[in-house]
N, C-alpha and C. Protein backbone atom coordinates (compact mmCIF):
# COMPACT_ATOMS: atom_id res chain seq x y z
N MET A 1 17.77 -11.16 13.79
CA MET A 1 17.05 -10.97 12.79
C MET A 1 15.40 -11.11 13.16
N ILE A 2 15.25 -9.74 13.84
CA ILE A 2 13.78 -9.86 13.69
C ILE A 2 12.37 -9.37 13.10
N ARG A 3 11.46 -10.24 12.44
CA ARG A 3 10.86 -9.52 11.92
C ARG A 3 9.21 -9.15 12.80
N LEU A 4 8.48 -7.86 11.94
CA LEU A 4 7.71 -6.70 12.61
C LEU A 4 6.78 -7.30 11.72
N THR A 5 5.50 -7.98 11.95
CA THR A 5 4.03 -6.99 11.13
C THR A 5 3.04 -6.06 11.29
N LYS A 6 2.73 -5.40 10.66
CA LYS A 6 1.39 -3.72 11.09
C LYS A 6 0.75 -4.06 10.21
N ILE A 7 -0.23 -4.41 10.26
CA ILE A 7 -1.73 -4.85 9.83
C ILE A 7 -2.52 -3.32 9.75
N PHE A 8 -3.18 -3.24 8.77
CA PHE A 8 -3.81 -1.79 8.59
C PHE A 8 -4.81 -1.85 6.97
N THR A 9 -5.83 -1.10 7.44
CA THR A 9 -6.96 -1.14 6.55
C THR A 9 -7.53 -0.26 6.37
N PHE A 10 -8.02 -0.03 4.94
CA PHE A 10 -8.91 0.92 4.10
C PHE A 10 -9.75 0.38 3.38
N GLU A 11 -10.36 1.72 2.81
CA GLU A 11 -11.54 1.24 1.85
C GLU A 11 -11.52 2.12 0.70
N THR A 12 -11.28 1.65 -0.65
CA THR A 12 -11.02 2.00 -2.16
C THR A 12 -11.68 1.78 -3.01
N ALA A 13 -11.99 2.73 -3.58
CA ALA A 13 -12.80 2.19 -5.13
C ALA A 13 -11.84 2.28 -5.71
N HIS A 14 -12.11 1.15 -7.05
CA HIS A 14 -11.45 1.68 -8.47
C HIS A 14 -11.82 0.94 -9.24
N ALA A 15 -11.60 1.01 -10.90
CA ALA A 15 -12.06 0.16 -12.24
C ALA A 15 -10.65 0.41 -12.70
N LEU A 16 -10.89 -1.44 -13.77
CA LEU A 16 -9.69 -1.94 -14.35
C LEU A 16 -10.53 -0.97 -16.29
N TRP A 17 -9.34 -0.38 -16.60
CA TRP A 17 -9.75 -0.41 -17.56
C TRP A 17 -9.25 -1.15 -18.64
N GLY A 18 -10.28 -1.17 -20.14
CA GLY A 18 -10.46 -2.30 -20.78
C GLY A 18 -10.10 -3.66 -19.88
N TYR A 19 -10.50 -4.18 -19.07
CA TYR A 19 -11.07 -5.36 -18.68
C TYR A 19 -12.16 -5.90 -19.25
N ASP A 20 -11.77 -7.61 -18.64
CA ASP A 20 -13.19 -8.11 -19.59
C ASP A 20 -13.97 -8.69 -18.57
N GLY A 21 -13.42 -8.51 -17.21
CA GLY A 21 -15.08 -8.51 -16.72
C GLY A 21 -15.88 -7.07 -15.93
N LYS A 22 -16.47 -8.18 -14.57
CA LYS A 22 -17.31 -6.99 -13.63
C LYS A 22 -15.71 -5.91 -13.83
N CYS A 23 -14.78 -6.27 -13.01
CA CYS A 23 -13.99 -4.78 -12.47
C CYS A 23 -13.70 -3.58 -13.48
N LYS A 24 -14.80 -3.82 -14.30
CA LYS A 24 -14.64 -2.90 -15.56
C LYS A 24 -14.58 -1.81 -14.82
N ASN A 25 -16.08 -1.90 -13.83
CA ASN A 25 -16.67 -1.14 -13.07
C ASN A 25 -16.36 -1.05 -11.96
N ILE A 26 -16.88 0.63 -11.63
CA ILE A 26 -16.19 1.09 -10.40
C ILE A 26 -16.91 0.59 -9.32
N HIS A 27 -15.66 -0.23 -8.65
CA HIS A 27 -15.98 -0.75 -7.60
C HIS A 27 -15.55 -0.73 -6.06
N GLY A 28 -15.95 -1.49 -5.01
CA GLY A 28 -14.57 -1.15 -3.87
C GLY A 28 -14.37 -2.04 -3.11
N HIS A 29 -13.47 -1.86 -2.49
CA HIS A 29 -12.66 -3.08 -1.73
C HIS A 29 -12.32 -2.60 0.00
N SER A 30 -12.60 -3.71 0.59
CA SER A 30 -11.94 -3.30 2.16
C SER A 30 -10.45 -4.10 2.07
N TYR A 31 -10.07 -3.23 1.60
CA TYR A 31 -8.19 -3.46 1.84
C TYR A 31 -7.76 -4.12 3.55
N LYS A 32 -6.37 -5.05 2.88
CA LYS A 32 -6.06 -5.31 4.37
C LYS A 32 -4.55 -5.77 3.61
N LEU A 33 -3.58 -4.28 4.17
CA LEU A 33 -2.53 -4.74 3.91
C LEU A 33 -1.90 -5.11 4.89
N TYR A 34 -0.76 -5.42 5.49
CA TYR A 34 0.10 -6.42 6.87
C TYR A 34 1.57 -5.52 5.16
N VAL A 35 2.41 -5.03 6.65
CA VAL A 35 3.50 -5.01 6.21
C VAL A 35 4.54 -5.24 7.44
N THR A 36 5.48 -6.12 6.78
CA THR A 36 6.19 -6.92 7.20
C THR A 36 7.80 -6.06 7.11
N ILE A 37 8.52 -6.32 8.25
CA ILE A 37 9.95 -5.54 8.11
C ILE A 37 10.99 -6.07 8.89
N LYS A 38 12.43 -6.47 8.62
CA LYS A 38 13.02 -6.43 9.10
C LYS A 38 14.44 -5.89 9.47
N GLY A 39 14.78 -7.13 11.38
CA GLY A 39 16.23 -5.81 11.38
C GLY A 39 16.79 -6.15 12.65
N ILE A 40 17.46 -6.05 12.93
CA ILE A 40 17.96 -6.52 14.41
C ILE A 40 17.35 -5.71 16.33
N PRO A 41 16.82 -6.19 16.29
CA PRO A 41 16.15 -5.16 18.41
C PRO A 41 18.01 -3.74 18.74
N VAL A 42 16.94 -2.36 18.46
CA VAL A 42 17.80 -1.89 19.55
C VAL A 42 18.96 -2.34 20.30
N ASP A 43 20.02 -2.65 20.88
CA ASP A 43 20.69 -2.79 21.93
C ASP A 43 21.68 -2.06 23.09
N ASP A 44 20.87 -0.88 23.71
CA ASP A 44 21.05 0.21 23.84
C ASP A 44 20.64 1.36 24.66
N LEU A 45 20.96 0.44 26.36
CA LEU A 45 20.22 1.25 27.09
C LEU A 45 19.77 2.76 27.24
N ASP A 46 20.36 3.36 26.78
CA ASP A 46 20.33 4.81 26.55
C ASP A 46 19.23 5.30 25.83
N ASP A 47 18.85 4.16 25.28
CA ASP A 47 18.41 4.61 23.31
C ASP A 47 16.53 4.57 24.07
N LYS A 48 16.26 5.88 23.45
CA LYS A 48 14.05 5.24 23.39
C LYS A 48 14.04 4.29 23.15
N LYS A 49 14.54 3.67 21.95
CA LYS A 49 14.21 2.39 21.63
C LYS A 49 14.45 1.31 21.88
N ASN A 50 15.44 0.73 22.80
CA ASN A 50 16.21 0.17 22.99
C ASN A 50 15.26 -1.05 23.15
N GLY A 51 15.47 -2.44 22.49
CA GLY A 51 14.78 -3.52 22.36
C GLY A 51 13.86 -3.80 21.22
N MET A 52 13.69 -2.06 20.91
CA MET A 52 12.99 -2.52 19.52
C MET A 52 13.38 -2.38 18.18
N VAL A 53 13.36 -3.40 17.11
CA VAL A 53 13.66 -3.08 15.76
C VAL A 53 12.99 -1.61 15.16
N MET A 54 11.73 -1.49 14.91
CA MET A 54 11.09 -0.11 15.04
C MET A 54 9.83 0.16 16.31
N ASP A 55 10.14 1.37 16.18
CA ASP A 55 8.52 1.35 16.50
C ASP A 55 7.24 0.83 15.56
N PHE A 56 6.11 0.23 16.34
CA PHE A 56 5.20 0.26 15.73
C PHE A 56 4.86 1.55 15.03
N SER A 57 4.94 2.66 16.10
CA SER A 57 3.92 3.75 15.63
C SER A 57 4.79 4.53 14.76
N ASP A 58 5.81 4.66 14.44
CA ASP A 58 6.87 4.88 13.68
C ASP A 58 6.68 4.14 12.31
N LEU A 59 6.48 3.18 11.55
CA LEU A 59 6.10 2.46 10.72
C LEU A 59 4.73 3.02 10.70
N LYS A 60 3.43 2.81 11.76
CA LYS A 60 2.42 3.50 11.16
C LYS A 60 2.31 4.47 10.65
N LEU A 61 3.27 5.56 10.54
CA LEU A 61 3.29 7.09 10.61
C LEU A 61 3.43 7.39 8.82
N ILE A 62 4.79 6.11 9.01
CA ILE A 62 4.76 6.03 7.52
C ILE A 62 3.90 5.46 6.50
N VAL A 63 3.14 4.27 6.57
CA VAL A 63 2.18 3.57 6.02
C VAL A 63 1.11 4.49 5.64
N ASN A 64 0.80 5.49 6.94
CA ASN A 64 -0.45 5.66 7.20
C ASN A 64 -0.44 6.73 5.96
N SER A 65 0.76 7.96 6.07
CA SER A 65 1.16 9.19 5.76
C SER A 65 1.25 8.65 3.86
N LEU A 66 2.18 7.66 3.23
CA LEU A 66 1.69 7.25 1.93
C LEU A 66 0.89 6.40 1.51
N ILE A 67 0.47 5.48 2.34
CA ILE A 67 -0.65 4.82 1.84
C ILE A 67 -2.11 4.69 2.16
N ILE A 68 -2.06 4.63 3.58
CA ILE A 68 -3.80 4.46 4.21
C ILE A 68 -4.11 6.22 3.80
N ASP A 69 -3.87 6.81 4.24
CA ASP A 69 -4.52 8.33 3.80
C ASP A 69 -4.95 9.03 2.38
N PRO A 70 -3.95 8.70 1.77
CA PRO A 70 -3.84 9.07 0.03
C PRO A 70 -5.25 7.88 -0.72
N LEU A 71 -4.93 6.39 -0.20
CA LEU A 71 -6.26 6.38 -0.30
C LEU A 71 -7.59 6.28 -0.14
N ASP A 72 -7.85 5.69 1.29
CA ASP A 72 -8.98 5.51 2.06
C ASP A 72 -10.34 6.71 1.50
N HIS A 73 -11.24 5.32 1.51
CA HIS A 73 -12.05 6.23 0.88
C HIS A 73 -12.02 7.38 -0.76
N GLY A 74 -11.20 6.49 -1.24
CA GLY A 74 -10.95 7.53 -2.87
C GLY A 74 -11.42 6.14 -3.25
N VAL A 75 -10.78 6.72 -5.34
CA VAL A 75 -11.10 6.18 -6.33
C VAL A 75 -9.94 6.56 -7.26
N VAL A 76 -9.53 5.21 -7.11
CA VAL A 76 -8.47 4.78 -8.13
C VAL A 76 -8.59 4.35 -9.22
N LEU A 77 -8.00 5.38 -10.20
CA LEU A 77 -8.19 5.14 -12.13
C LEU A 77 -6.91 5.20 -12.44
N ASN A 78 -6.98 5.14 -13.28
CA ASN A 78 -5.42 5.02 -14.96
C ASN A 78 -5.34 6.28 -15.08
N ALA A 79 -4.73 7.13 -15.04
CA ALA A 79 -4.73 8.07 -15.43
C ALA A 79 -4.10 8.15 -17.56
N GLN A 80 -3.76 7.05 -17.83
CA GLN A 80 -2.43 6.30 -18.91
C GLN A 80 -4.16 6.08 -19.50
N SER A 81 -5.59 6.03 -19.14
CA SER A 81 -6.81 5.23 -19.46
C SER A 81 -7.91 6.78 -19.99
N LYS A 82 -8.64 6.25 -20.80
CA LYS A 82 -9.97 7.27 -20.57
C LYS A 82 -10.87 6.77 -19.47
N HIS A 83 -10.31 6.72 -18.51
CA HIS A 83 -10.63 6.83 -16.41
C HIS A 83 -10.43 8.11 -16.48
N LYS A 84 -9.27 8.86 -17.58
CA LYS A 84 -9.42 9.93 -16.76
C LYS A 84 -10.03 10.59 -16.52
N ASP A 85 -10.59 10.63 -18.21
CA ASP A 85 -11.35 12.26 -17.82
C ASP A 85 -13.02 12.27 -17.07
N LEU A 86 -13.48 10.28 -16.61
CA LEU A 86 -14.45 10.06 -15.57
C LEU A 86 -13.99 11.02 -14.45
N GLY A 87 -12.25 10.37 -13.86
CA GLY A 87 -12.26 10.29 -12.69
C GLY A 87 -11.69 12.00 -12.54
N GLU A 88 -11.72 12.82 -13.55
CA GLU A 88 -11.77 14.71 -13.46
C GLU A 88 -13.02 15.34 -13.05
N ARG A 89 -14.01 13.92 -14.09
CA ARG A 89 -15.86 15.41 -13.58
C ARG A 89 -15.41 14.53 -12.45
N LEU A 90 -15.64 13.16 -11.72
CA LEU A 90 -15.43 13.26 -10.22
C LEU A 90 -14.69 14.28 -9.18
N ILE A 91 -13.47 14.36 -9.70
CA ILE A 91 -13.25 15.52 -8.30
C ILE A 91 -13.63 17.04 -8.87
N ALA A 92 -13.90 17.34 -10.10
CA ALA A 92 -14.97 18.71 -10.29
C ALA A 92 -16.48 18.27 -9.34
N GLU A 93 -16.75 17.73 -8.87
CA GLU A 93 -17.70 17.13 -7.92
C GLU A 93 -17.46 16.78 -6.35
N GLY A 94 -16.33 17.34 -6.29
CA GLY A 94 -15.95 17.21 -5.00
C GLY A 94 -15.50 15.46 -4.21
N HIS A 95 -15.42 14.87 -5.48
CA HIS A 95 -14.91 13.54 -5.10
C HIS A 95 -13.83 13.11 -4.80
N LYS A 96 -13.06 12.28 -4.11
CA LYS A 96 -11.45 12.06 -3.69
C LYS A 96 -11.12 10.68 -4.69
N VAL A 97 -9.97 11.89 -6.03
CA VAL A 97 -9.96 10.82 -7.03
C VAL A 97 -8.43 10.54 -7.25
N ILE A 98 -7.26 9.04 -7.07
CA ILE A 98 -6.15 9.56 -7.03
C ILE A 98 -5.81 8.47 -8.80
N PHE A 99 -5.16 9.45 -9.26
CA PHE A 99 -4.95 8.73 -10.35
C PHE A 99 -2.94 8.46 -10.57
N THR A 100 -3.14 7.08 -10.80
CA THR A 100 -1.62 5.93 -10.86
C THR A 100 -1.60 6.30 -12.53
N ASP A 101 -0.02 5.92 -12.65
CA ASP A 101 -0.30 5.01 -13.71
C ASP A 101 0.08 3.99 -14.17
N TYR A 102 -0.32 3.59 -13.91
CA TYR A 102 -0.61 1.75 -14.11
C TYR A 102 -2.43 1.33 -13.66
N GLN A 103 -2.54 0.39 -14.48
CA GLN A 103 -3.58 -0.14 -14.41
C GLN A 103 -4.04 -0.65 -12.34
N PRO A 104 -4.96 0.26 -11.75
CA PRO A 104 -4.80 -0.15 -10.56
C PRO A 104 -5.18 -1.55 -9.83
N THR A 105 -4.04 -2.93 -10.07
CA THR A 105 -4.66 -4.10 -9.92
C THR A 105 -4.06 -4.58 -8.55
N CYS A 106 -4.82 -5.18 -8.06
CA CYS A 106 -3.94 -5.60 -6.21
C CYS A 106 -2.40 -5.37 -6.90
N GLU A 107 -1.72 -6.68 -7.69
CA GLU A 107 -0.72 -6.56 -8.03
C GLU A 107 -0.02 -5.12 -7.98
N ASN A 108 -0.34 -4.35 -8.69
CA ASN A 108 0.95 -3.23 -8.88
C ASN A 108 0.61 -2.23 -8.10
N MET A 109 -0.58 -2.40 -7.48
CA MET A 109 -0.48 -1.59 -5.94
C MET A 109 0.23 -2.07 -5.00
N LEU A 110 1.00 -3.28 -5.11
CA LEU A 110 1.60 -3.49 -4.54
C LEU A 110 3.21 -2.96 -4.54
N ILE A 111 3.36 -3.27 -5.81
CA ILE A 111 4.81 -2.82 -6.05
C ILE A 111 5.25 -1.76 -5.79
N ASP A 112 3.81 -0.24 -6.35
CA ASP A 112 3.77 1.16 -5.90
C ASP A 112 4.27 1.07 -4.38
N PHE A 113 3.07 0.48 -3.98
CA PHE A 113 3.59 0.19 -1.62
C PHE A 113 4.77 0.28 -1.92
N ALA A 114 5.66 -1.23 -2.59
CA ALA A 114 6.53 -1.19 -1.57
C ALA A 114 7.55 -0.01 -2.44
N LYS A 115 7.66 0.19 -3.70
CA LYS A 115 9.37 1.41 -3.70
C LYS A 115 8.87 2.37 -2.71
N LYS A 116 7.39 2.88 -1.96
CA LYS A 116 7.08 3.89 -0.97
C LYS A 116 7.85 3.85 -0.15
N ILE A 117 7.24 2.68 0.36
CA ILE A 117 7.73 2.53 1.79
C ILE A 117 9.26 2.12 2.00
N GLN A 118 9.76 1.64 0.82
CA GLN A 118 11.36 1.18 0.98
C GLN A 118 11.83 2.42 1.02
N ALA A 119 11.30 3.63 0.14
CA ALA A 119 11.93 4.58 0.61
C ALA A 119 11.42 6.20 1.55
N LYS A 120 10.74 5.21 2.80
CA LYS A 120 10.74 6.52 3.66
C LYS A 120 11.13 5.14 4.93
N LEU A 121 11.53 3.96 5.21
CA LEU A 121 12.16 3.11 6.14
C LEU A 121 13.84 3.58 6.28
N PRO A 122 13.94 3.91 7.74
CA PRO A 122 15.38 3.89 8.53
C PRO A 122 16.90 3.01 7.33
N GLN A 123 17.48 3.34 7.14
CA GLN A 123 18.63 2.45 6.75
C GLN A 123 18.95 1.65 7.02
N ASN A 124 18.42 1.08 8.74
CA ASN A 124 19.13 -0.87 8.79
C ASN A 124 17.83 -1.22 9.08
N ILE A 125 16.23 -0.70 8.39
CA ILE A 125 15.36 -1.83 8.66
C ILE A 125 14.57 -2.50 7.21
N LEU A 126 14.90 -3.48 6.43
CA LEU A 126 14.25 -3.75 5.48
C LEU A 126 12.67 -3.64 5.46
N LEU A 127 12.20 -3.32 4.55
CA LEU A 127 11.01 -4.32 4.31
C LEU A 127 11.23 -5.38 3.06
N VAL A 128 10.54 -6.95 3.80
CA VAL A 128 10.80 -7.48 2.87
C VAL A 128 9.32 -8.40 2.91
N LYS A 129 8.19 -7.81 3.45
CA LYS A 129 6.72 -8.45 2.80
C LYS A 129 5.59 -7.54 2.65
N LEU A 130 4.78 -7.49 1.26
CA LEU A 130 3.39 -6.85 1.80
C LEU A 130 2.60 -7.89 1.57
N LYS A 131 1.48 -8.15 1.92
CA LYS A 131 0.33 -8.84 1.31
C LYS A 131 -0.62 -7.75 1.38
N LEU A 132 -1.35 -7.62 0.76
CA LEU A 132 -3.10 -7.09 0.21
C LEU A 132 -3.84 -7.49 -0.23
N TYR A 133 -4.85 -8.33 0.93
CA TYR A 133 -6.32 -8.54 1.08
C TYR A 133 -6.90 -7.69 -0.61
N GLU A 134 -7.22 -7.61 -1.45
CA GLU A 134 -8.14 -7.11 -1.52
C GLU A 134 -9.89 -7.07 -1.72
N THR A 135 -9.90 -8.92 -0.89
CA THR A 135 -11.08 -9.33 -0.47
C THR A 135 -10.96 -10.26 0.47
N GLU A 136 -11.71 -11.18 0.93
CA GLU A 136 -11.83 -11.81 2.26
C GLU A 136 -10.65 -13.36 2.01
N THR A 137 -11.26 -13.43 0.54
CA THR A 137 -10.30 -14.41 0.68
C THR A 137 -9.31 -14.43 -0.64
N SER A 138 -8.71 -13.16 -1.58
CA SER A 138 -8.36 -13.23 -2.69
C SER A 138 -7.43 -11.87 -2.19
N TYR A 139 -5.91 -12.39 -2.24
CA TYR A 139 -4.72 -11.50 -1.40
C TYR A 139 -3.53 -11.48 -2.34
N GLY A 140 -2.90 -10.50 -2.68
CA GLY A 140 -1.19 -10.77 -3.47
C GLY A 140 -0.38 -10.51 -2.71
N GLU A 141 1.35 -10.54 -2.75
CA GLU A 141 2.09 -11.25 -2.31
C GLU A 141 2.85 -9.92 -2.60
N TRP A 142 4.13 -9.07 -1.92
CA TRP A 142 5.18 -8.76 -2.41
C TRP A 142 5.93 -9.17 -1.87
N ARG A 143 7.14 -9.42 -2.04
CA ARG A 143 8.31 -10.28 -1.38
C ARG A 143 9.79 -9.92 -1.17
N LEU A 144 10.91 -9.21 -0.63
CA LEU A 144 11.94 -8.54 -0.83
C LEU A 144 12.83 -10.23 -1.35
N GLU A 145 13.31 -10.98 -1.07
CA GLU A 145 13.43 -12.22 -1.96
C GLU A 145 13.44 -12.48 -3.45
N ASP A 146 11.93 -12.15 -3.78
CA ASP A 146 12.03 -12.68 -4.95
C ASP A 146 12.15 -11.23 -6.32
N GLN A 147 12.35 -9.78 -5.44
CA GLN A 147 12.83 -8.90 -6.37
C GLN A 147 14.49 -9.78 -6.31
N MET A 148 15.01 -9.98 -6.10
CA MET A 148 16.98 -10.27 -5.55
C MET A 148 16.98 -11.71 -6.36
N LYS A 149 16.32 -12.20 -7.88
CA LYS A 149 16.16 -13.45 -8.41
C LYS A 149 16.87 -12.55 -9.80
């Protein structure tokens, strides 16, 4: 069994409705997402992916289409909060707004990302870890092993 990790970066703003600190204001982050998968390398000389668990470019296509492209240079707001009105005004002004059905914290984003990525991976590949850096010194982790307890 081999683990592979691909690192992605994206710029996204968010605001936390009802929060009692600075993050109640719209602010941005330079996010860094580490995506770790595991599987058994292909052992078939006739397979173009011989020796690979998964082609890094295939993983990149999945994560870019589900996470990076939709979020990059956008504003993430909780559609269940009063931020929905603000988001709709921003959209009307031509801004990219992504509405979630959750408070857009690092923790909740990881849960959302894990669900989306797992659903698109090939059957023989497991998503085992996500690490999302919100700042240079702060990150959250999602681990498959923690979901099985």
